[in-house]
Amino acid sequence: MAFFNLKKREIECKIVYYGPGRSGKTTNVHQIHSAFRQHLVTDLVSIDADGDQTLFLDFLAIDLGRIADCNVRVQLYTVPGQVRYSSTRKLVLREVDGIVFVADSLAARREKNLISLKDLQQNLSEYKKSIFKLPLVLQYNKRDLDGNGIPILPVMTLEKDLNSQLRVPYIEASAIRGEGVGETLKACVKLTLASLQHQMNWMKGQTGHGEKRS
């Protein structure tokens, strides 16, 4: 959950990039690292597990929004997509405030997307969180491969597979080109800030000062 420090006028939130292995989660965060370099609190931390990375990035999202004149500090995480790292994915989701689900547009990866989304829902439920209530944005990545002789899934198919029940915002992207990366992050931060605003209003009503875990 978000951390509110009203004395420093700072709100810290956690956004996790989730999705199947090699869908582009790592590439998204690397692109964000380059785009928001001037706002970094810490440098990019990467843990490599057999080629499937877990990344952590901490920055002040000064250009992405404020709540009650407080700076928003965003911690970004990615999760390893491979099946054997299930426990790591669950651990990274602890106290998450917002989620970006990076779906692979390759037709051959259709089942992997479905398995990963189901895995996300299951892991959240173990923390007594609902995938339907958390701020969530879907990113349909690798759209740049369309027309290159590589079969990709139509957006309509991705929507039917992944978003027919969730009905959350989706963004088409090519993370490797940086296309749609900033838009995805901003969409998720916007939803997360709206959620945190409700929490902030509640906290002010309870305490009016100091700091507290929501």
C-alpha atoms as a PDB file:
ATOM      1  CA  MET A   1       0.000   0.000   0.000  1.00  0.00           C
ATOM      2  CA  ALA A   2       1.043   3.599  -0.500  1.00  0.00           C
ATOM      3  CA  PHE A   3       3.130   5.411   2.099  1.00  0.00           C
ATOM      4  CA  PHE A   4       2.003   8.930   2.985  1.00  0.00           C
ATOM      5  CA  ASN A   5       4.551  11.287   4.534  1.00  0.00           C
ATOM      6  CA  LEU A   6       2.662  14.520   5.047  1.00  0.00           C
ATOM      7  CA  LYS A   7       5.579  16.202   6.825  1.00  0.00           C
ATOM      8  CA  LYS A   8       7.744  15.824   3.712  1.00  0.00           C
ATOM      9  CA  ARG A   9       4.693  16.289   1.499  1.00  0.00           C
ATOM     10  CA  GLU A  10       5.479  13.120  -0.362  1.00  0.00           C
ATOM     11  CA  ILE A  11       3.412  10.100  -1.358  1.00  0.00           C
ATOM     12  CA  GLU A  12       5.181   6.882  -2.285  1.00  0.00           C
ATOM     13  CA  CYS A  13       3.386   4.303  -4.409  1.00  0.00           C
ATOM     14  CA  LYS A  14       4.294   1.010  -6.025  1.00  0.00           C
ATOM     15  CA  ILE A  15       3.501   0.006  -9.606  1.00  0.00           C
ATOM     16  CA  VAL A  16       4.304  -3.483 -10.871  1.00  0.00           C
ATOM     17  CA  TYR A  17       4.786  -4.502 -14.502  1.00  0.00           C
ATOM     18  CA  TYR A  18       3.356  -7.987 -14.861  1.00  0.00           C
ATOM     19  CA  GLY A  19       3.040 -10.367 -17.810  1.00  0.00           C
ATOM     20  CA  PRO A  20       4.487 -13.456 -19.462  1.00  0.00           C
ATOM     21  CA  GLY A  21       8.207 -13.937 -19.965  1.00  0.00           C
ATOM     22  CA  ARG A  22       9.740 -11.890 -22.786  1.00  0.00           C
ATOM     23  CA  SER A  23       6.598  -9.816 -23.284  1.00  0.00           C
ATOM     24  CA  GLY A  24       8.510  -6.537 -22.880  1.00  0.00           C
ATOM     25  CA  LYS A  25       8.255  -5.663 -19.185  1.00  0.00           C
ATOM     26  CA  THR A  26      11.997  -5.127 -18.868  1.00  0.00           C
ATOM     27  CA  THR A  27      12.124  -3.039 -22.041  1.00  0.00           C
ATOM     28  CA  ASN A  28       9.342  -0.792 -20.721  1.00  0.00           C
ATOM     29  CA  VAL A  29      11.219  -0.010 -17.531  1.00  0.00           C
ATOM     30  CA  HIS A  30      14.503   0.578 -19.374  1.00  0.00           C
ATOM     31  CA  GLN A  31      12.710   3.093 -21.611  1.00  0.00           C
ATOM     32  CA  ILE A  32      11.201   4.814 -18.559  1.00  0.00           C
ATOM     33  CA  HIS A  33      14.629   4.892 -16.930  1.00  0.00           C
ATOM     34  CA  SER A  34      15.966   6.843 -19.906  1.00  0.00           C
ATOM     35  CA  ALA A  35      12.969   9.172 -20.214  1.00  0.00           C
ATOM     36  CA  PHE A  36      12.769  10.140 -16.526  1.00  0.00           C
ATOM     37  CA  ARG A  37      16.478  10.117 -15.720  1.00  0.00           C
ATOM     38  CA  GLN A  38      16.375  13.631 -14.258  1.00  0.00           C
ATOM     39  CA  HIS A  39      13.799  12.551 -11.687  1.00  0.00           C
ATOM     40  CA  LEU A  40      15.501   9.376 -10.481  1.00  0.00           C
ATOM     41  CA  VAL A  41      15.812   8.810  -6.750  1.00  0.00           C
ATOM     42  CA  THR A  42      17.936   5.703  -7.229  1.00  0.00           C
ATOM     43  CA  ASP A  43      19.476   4.118 -10.289  1.00  0.00           C
ATOM     44  CA  LEU A  44      18.017   1.098 -12.020  1.00  0.00           C
ATOM     45  CA  VAL A  45      18.493  -2.106 -10.045  1.00  0.00           C
ATOM     46  CA  SER A  46      18.452  -5.326 -12.035  1.00  0.00           C
ATOM     47  CA  ILE A  47      18.484  -8.922 -10.799  1.00  0.00           C
ATOM     48  CA  ASP A  48      19.116 -11.364 -13.629  1.00  0.00           C
ATOM     49  CA  ALA A  49      17.692 -14.858 -13.248  1.00  0.00           C
ATOM     50  CA  ASP A  50      18.647 -17.032 -16.214  1.00  0.00           C
ATOM     51  CA  GLY A  51      17.976 -14.220 -18.652  1.00  0.00           C
ATOM     52  CA  ASP A  52      14.641 -13.231 -17.098  1.00  0.00           C
ATOM     53  CA  GLN A  53      15.157 -10.021 -15.177  1.00  0.00           C
ATOM     54  CA  THR A  54      13.498  -8.470 -12.164  1.00  0.00           C
ATOM     55  CA  LEU A  55      13.911  -4.691 -12.225  1.00  0.00           C
ATOM     56  CA  PHE A  56      13.412  -1.947  -9.664  1.00  0.00           C
ATOM     57  CA  LEU A  57      13.288   1.780 -10.409  1.00  0.00           C
ATOM     58  CA  ASP A  58      12.525   4.564  -7.932  1.00  0.00           C
ATOM     59  CA  PHE A  59      11.751   8.071  -9.185  1.00  0.00           C
ATOM     60  CA  LEU A  60       9.808  11.237  -8.444  1.00  0.00           C
ATOM     61  CA  ALA A  61       6.921  11.443 -10.897  1.00  0.00           C
ATOM     62  CA  ILE A  62       6.881  15.231 -10.855  1.00  0.00           C
ATOM     63  CA  ASP A  63       5.397  15.496 -14.335  1.00  0.00           C
ATOM     64  CA  LEU A  64       2.804  12.775 -13.824  1.00  0.00           C
ATOM     65  CA  GLY A  65       0.649  14.213 -11.064  1.00  0.00           C
ATOM     66  CA  ARG A  66       0.357  15.479  -7.511  1.00  0.00           C
ATOM     67  CA  ILE A  67      -2.020  14.870  -4.646  1.00  0.00           C
ATOM     68  CA  ALA A  68      -2.814  17.672  -2.190  1.00  0.00           C
ATOM     69  CA  ASP A  69       0.397  19.478  -3.226  1.00  0.00           C
ATOM     70  CA  CYS A  70       2.454  16.381  -2.429  1.00  0.00           C
ATOM     71  CA  ASN A  71       5.111  15.034  -4.782  1.00  0.00           C
ATOM     72  CA  VAL A  72       4.420  11.519  -5.960  1.00  0.00           C
ATOM     73  CA  ARG A  73       7.292   9.102  -5.649  1.00  0.00           C
ATOM     74  CA  VAL A  74       6.834   6.026  -7.817  1.00  0.00           C
ATOM     75  CA  GLN A  75       8.551   2.704  -7.313  1.00  0.00           C
ATOM     76  CA  LEU A  76       8.434   0.552 -10.439  1.00  0.00           C
ATOM     77  CA  TYR A  77       8.986  -3.179 -10.365  1.00  0.00           C
ATOM     78  CA  THR A  78       8.924  -5.885 -12.997  1.00  0.00           C
ATOM     79  CA  VAL A  79       8.385  -9.563 -12.305  1.00  0.00           C
ATOM     80  CA  PRO A  80      10.123 -12.571 -13.906  1.00  0.00           C
ATOM     81  CA  GLY A  81       7.674 -14.194 -16.269  1.00  0.00           C
ATOM     82  CA  GLN A  82       8.934 -17.755 -16.271  1.00  0.00           C
ATOM     83  CA  VAL A  83       6.712 -20.303 -14.523  1.00  0.00           C
ATOM     84  CA  ARG A  84       9.345 -21.398 -12.014  1.00  0.00           C
ATOM     85  CA  TYR A  85       9.553 -17.907 -10.502  1.00  0.00           C
ATOM     86  CA  SER A  86       5.986 -17.928  -9.187  1.00  0.00           C
ATOM     87  CA  SER A  87       7.035 -17.214  -5.595  1.00  0.00           C
ATOM     88  CA  THR A  88       9.071 -14.182  -6.715  1.00  0.00           C
ATOM     89  CA  ARG A  89       6.129 -12.767  -8.642  1.00  0.00           C
ATOM     90  CA  LYS A  90       3.899 -13.123  -5.628  1.00  0.00           C
ATOM     91  CA  LEU A  91       6.464 -11.428  -3.372  1.00  0.00           C
ATOM     92  CA  VAL A  92       6.857  -8.452  -5.734  1.00  0.00           C
ATOM     93  CA  LEU A  93       3.077  -7.914  -5.707  1.00  0.00           C
ATOM     94  CA  ARG A  94       3.046  -7.334  -1.977  1.00  0.00           C
ATOM     95  CA  GLU A  95       1.592  -3.892  -1.157  1.00  0.00           C
ATOM     96  CA  VAL A  96       1.143  -3.048  -4.858  1.00  0.00           C
ATOM     97  CA  ASP A  97      -0.834   0.107  -5.691  1.00  0.00           C
ATOM     98  CA  GLY A  98      -1.134  -0.205  -9.476  1.00  0.00           C
ATOM     99  CA  ILE A  99      -0.404  -2.759 -12.190  1.00  0.00           C
ATOM    100  CA  VAL A 100       0.607  -2.666 -15.837  1.00  0.00           C
ATOM    101  CA  PHE A 101      -0.056  -5.989 -17.537  1.00  0.00           C
ATOM    102  CA  VAL A 102       2.230  -6.286 -20.570  1.00  0.00           C
ATOM    103  CA  ALA A 103       0.667  -8.699 -23.049  1.00  0.00           C
ATOM    104  CA  ASP A 104       2.652 -10.191 -25.927  1.00  0.00           C
ATOM    105  CA  SER A 105       0.986  -9.546 -29.284  1.00  0.00           C
ATOM    106  CA  LEU A 106       2.686 -12.522 -30.944  1.00  0.00           C
ATOM    107  CA  ALA A 107       0.067 -15.071 -31.969  1.00  0.00           C
ATOM    108  CA  ALA A 108       2.288 -17.857 -30.657  1.00  0.00           C
ATOM    109  CA  ARG A 109       2.166 -16.280 -27.180  1.00  0.00           C
ATOM    110  CA  ARG A 110      -1.601 -16.132 -26.852  1.00  0.00           C
ATOM    111  CA  GLU A 111      -1.840 -18.913 -24.268  1.00  0.00           C
ATOM    112  CA  LYS A 112       1.065 -17.451 -22.275  1.00  0.00           C
ATOM    113  CA  ASN A 113      -0.870 -14.192 -21.892  1.00  0.00           C
ATOM    114  CA  LEU A 114      -3.902 -16.036 -20.541  1.00  0.00           C
ATOM    115  CA  ILE A 115      -1.830 -18.093 -18.107  1.00  0.00           C
ATOM    116  CA  SER A 116      -0.012 -15.000 -16.838  1.00  0.00           C
ATOM    117  CA  LEU A 117      -3.223 -13.017 -16.293  1.00  0.00           C
ATOM    118  CA  LYS A 118      -4.713 -15.938 -14.371  1.00  0.00           C
ATOM    119  CA  ASP A 119      -1.499 -16.122 -12.328  1.00  0.00           C
ATOM    120  CA  LEU A 120      -1.796 -12.412 -11.525  1.00  0.00           C
ATOM    121  CA  GLN A 121      -5.373 -12.829 -10.363  1.00  0.00           C
ATOM    122  CA  GLN A 122      -4.453 -15.796  -8.168  1.00  0.00           C
ATOM    123  CA  ASN A 123      -1.463 -14.069  -6.566  1.00  0.00           C
ATOM    124  CA  LEU A 124      -3.504 -10.962  -5.799  1.00  0.00           C
ATOM    125  CA  SER A 125      -6.258 -13.049  -4.236  1.00  0.00           C
ATOM    126  CA  GLU A 126      -3.721 -14.535  -1.820  1.00  0.00           C
ATOM    127  CA  TYR A 127      -3.146 -10.969  -0.561  1.00  0.00           C
ATOM    128  CA  LYS A 128      -6.946 -10.556  -0.391  1.00  0.00           C
ATOM    129  CA  LYS A 129      -6.865  -8.111  -3.309  1.00  0.00           C
ATOM    130  CA  SER A 130      -9.166  -8.150  -6.322  1.00  0.00           C
ATOM    131  CA  ILE A 131      -7.872  -7.694  -9.854  1.00  0.00           C
ATOM    132  CA  PHE A 132     -11.163  -5.900 -10.544  1.00  0.00           C
ATOM    133  CA  LYS A 133     -10.551  -3.219  -7.897  1.00  0.00           C
ATOM    134  CA  LEU A 134      -6.853  -2.403  -8.290  1.00  0.00           C
ATOM    135  CA  PRO A 135      -5.718   0.285 -10.764  1.00  0.00           C
ATOM    136  CA  LEU A 136      -4.807  -1.739 -13.871  1.00  0.00           C
ATOM    137  CA  VAL A 137      -3.751  -0.908 -17.432  1.00  0.00           C
ATOM    138  CA  LEU A 138      -3.230  -3.420 -20.220  1.00  0.00           C
ATOM    139  CA  GLN A 139      -0.416  -2.843 -22.697  1.00  0.00           C
ATOM    140  CA  TYR A 140      -0.541  -4.753 -25.979  1.00  0.00           C
ATOM    141  CA  ASN A 141       3.132  -4.815 -26.844  1.00  0.00           C
ATOM    142  CA  LYS A 142       5.077  -5.650 -30.036  1.00  0.00           C
ATOM    143  CA  ARG A 143       2.546  -4.019 -32.374  1.00  0.00           C
ATOM    144  CA  ASP A 144       5.523  -2.974 -34.530  1.00  0.00           C
ATOM    145  CA  LEU A 145       5.784  -6.561 -35.780  1.00  0.00           C
ATOM    146  CA  ASP A 146       2.536  -6.193 -37.719  1.00  0.00           C
ATOM    147  CA  GLY A 147       3.280  -6.479 -41.447  1.00  0.00           C
ATOM    148  CA  ASN A 148       6.734  -7.977 -40.908  1.00  0.00           C
ATOM    149  CA  GLY A 149       5.646 -11.487 -41.766  1.00  0.00           C
ATOM    150  CA  ILE A 150       5.306 -12.409 -38.083  1.00  0.00           C
ATOM    151  CA  PRO A 151       1.753 -13.373 -37.066  1.00  0.00           C
ATOM    152  CA  ILE A 152       0.413 -11.100 -34.332  1.00  0.00           C
ATOM    153  CA  LEU A 153      -2.923 -11.095 -32.586  1.00  0.00           C
ATOM    154  CA  PRO A 154      -5.511  -8.486 -33.609  1.00  0.00           C
ATOM    155  CA  VAL A 155      -6.351  -6.034 -30.838  1.00  0.00           C
ATOM    156  CA  MET A 156      -9.904  -7.348 -30.955  1.00  0.00           C
ATOM    157  CA  THR A 157      -8.622 -10.823 -30.028  1.00  0.00           C
ATOM    158  CA  LEU A 158      -6.464  -9.478 -27.207  1.00  0.00           C
ATOM    159  CA  GLU A 159      -9.440  -7.533 -25.888  1.00  0.00           C
ATOM    160  CA  LYS A 160     -11.638 -10.620 -25.989  1.00  0.00           C
ATOM    161  CA  ASP A 161      -8.997 -12.775 -24.293  1.00  0.00           C
ATOM    162  CA  LEU A 162      -7.846 -10.384 -21.602  1.00  0.00           C
ATOM    163  CA  ASN A 163     -10.208  -7.457 -21.198  1.00  0.00           C
ATOM    164  CA  SER A 164     -13.750  -8.677 -21.786  1.00  0.00           C
ATOM    165  CA  GLN A 165     -14.397  -8.855 -18.030  1.00  0.00           C
ATOM    166  CA  LEU A 166     -11.831  -6.398 -16.670  1.00  0.00           C
ATOM    167  CA  ARG A 167     -12.816  -3.513 -18.962  1.00  0.00           C
ATOM    168  CA  VAL A 168      -9.741  -1.472 -18.118  1.00  0.00           C
ATOM    169  CA  PRO A 169      -7.785   0.935 -20.349  1.00  0.00           C
ATOM    170  CA  TYR A 170      -5.481  -0.620 -22.935  1.00  0.00           C
ATOM    171  CA  ILE A 171      -2.651   0.872 -24.949  1.00  0.00           C
ATOM    172  CA  GLU A 172      -0.983  -0.464 -28.082  1.00  0.00           C
ATOM    173  CA  ALA A 173       2.788  -0.278 -27.844  1.00  0.00           C
ATOM    174  CA  SER A 174       6.187  -1.108 -29.209  1.00  0.00           C
ATOM    175  CA  ALA A 175       8.339  -0.975 -26.101  1.00  0.00           C
ATOM    176  CA  ILE A 176      11.538  -1.579 -28.028  1.00  0.00           C
ATOM    177  CA  ARG A 177      10.840   1.613 -30.004  1.00  0.00           C
ATOM    178  CA  GLY A 178       9.563   3.481 -26.975  1.00  0.00           C
ATOM    179  CA  GLU A 179       6.111   3.804 -28.517  1.00  0.00           C
ATOM    180  CA  GLY A 180       3.255   3.691 -26.033  1.00  0.00           C
ATOM    181  CA  VAL A 181       5.592   3.280 -23.056  1.00  0.00           C
ATOM    182  CA  GLY A 182       5.100   6.725 -21.563  1.00  0.00           C
ATOM    183  CA  GLU A 183       1.384   6.635 -22.329  1.00  0.00           C
ATOM    184  CA  THR A 184       1.045   3.314 -20.511  1.00  0.00           C
ATOM    185  CA  LEU A 185       2.865   4.571 -17.431  1.00  0.00           C
ATOM    186  CA  LYS A 186       0.900   7.813 -17.337  1.00  0.00           C
ATOM    187  CA  ALA A 187      -2.403   5.951 -17.660  1.00  0.00           C
ATOM    188  CA  CYS A 188      -1.492   3.665 -14.758  1.00  0.00           C
ATOM    189  CA  VAL A 189      -0.216   6.530 -12.608  1.00  0.00           C
ATOM    190  CA  LYS A 190      -3.426   8.478 -13.292  1.00  0.00           C
ATOM    191  CA  LEU A 191      -5.577   5.575 -12.093  1.00  0.00           C
ATOM    192  CA  THR A 192      -3.296   4.970  -9.123  1.00  0.00           C
ATOM    193  CA  LEU A 193      -3.378   8.622  -8.081  1.00  0.00           C
ATOM    194  CA  ALA A 194      -7.175   8.618  -8.190  1.00  0.00           C
ATOM    195  CA  SER A 195      -7.166   5.569  -5.912  1.00  0.00           C
ATOM    196  CA  LEU A 196      -4.645   7.154  -3.564  1.00  0.00           C
ATOM    197  CA  GLN A 197      -6.675  10.366  -3.425  1.00  0.00           C
ATOM    198  CA  HIS A 198      -9.513   8.404  -1.846  1.00  0.00           C
ATOM    199  CA  GLN A 199      -7.058   6.934   0.650  1.00  0.00           C
ATOM    200  CA  MET A 200      -5.622  10.380   1.383  1.00  0.00           C
ATOM    201  CA  ASN A 201      -9.081  11.798   2.073  1.00  0.00           C
ATOM    202  CA  TRP A 202      -9.788   8.954   4.465  1.00  0.00           C
ATOM    203  CA  MET A 203      -6.450   9.394   6.250  1.00  0.00           C
ATOM    204  CA  LYS A 204      -6.968  13.124   6.725  1.00  0.00           C
ATOM    205  CA  GLY A 205     -10.302  12.395   8.278  1.00  0.00           C
ATOM    206  CA  GLN A 206      -8.686   9.941  10.687  1.00  0.00           C
ATOM    207  CA  THR A 207      -5.480  11.729  11.711  1.00  0.00           C
ATOM    208  CA  GLY A 208      -4.952  15.032   9.950  1.00  0.00           C
ATOM    209  CA  HIS A 209      -1.185  14.793  10.309  1.00  0.00           C
ATOM    210  CA  GLY A 210       1.891  12.581  10.418  1.00  0.00           C
ATOM    211  CA  GLU A 211       2.492   9.482   8.342  1.00  0.00           C
ATOM    212  CA  LYS A 212       0.688   6.233   8.049  1.00  0.00           C
ATOM    213  CA  ARG A 213       0.476   3.092   5.968  1.00  0.00           C
ATOM    214  CA  SER A 214      -2.904   2.971   4.282  1.00  0.00           C
END
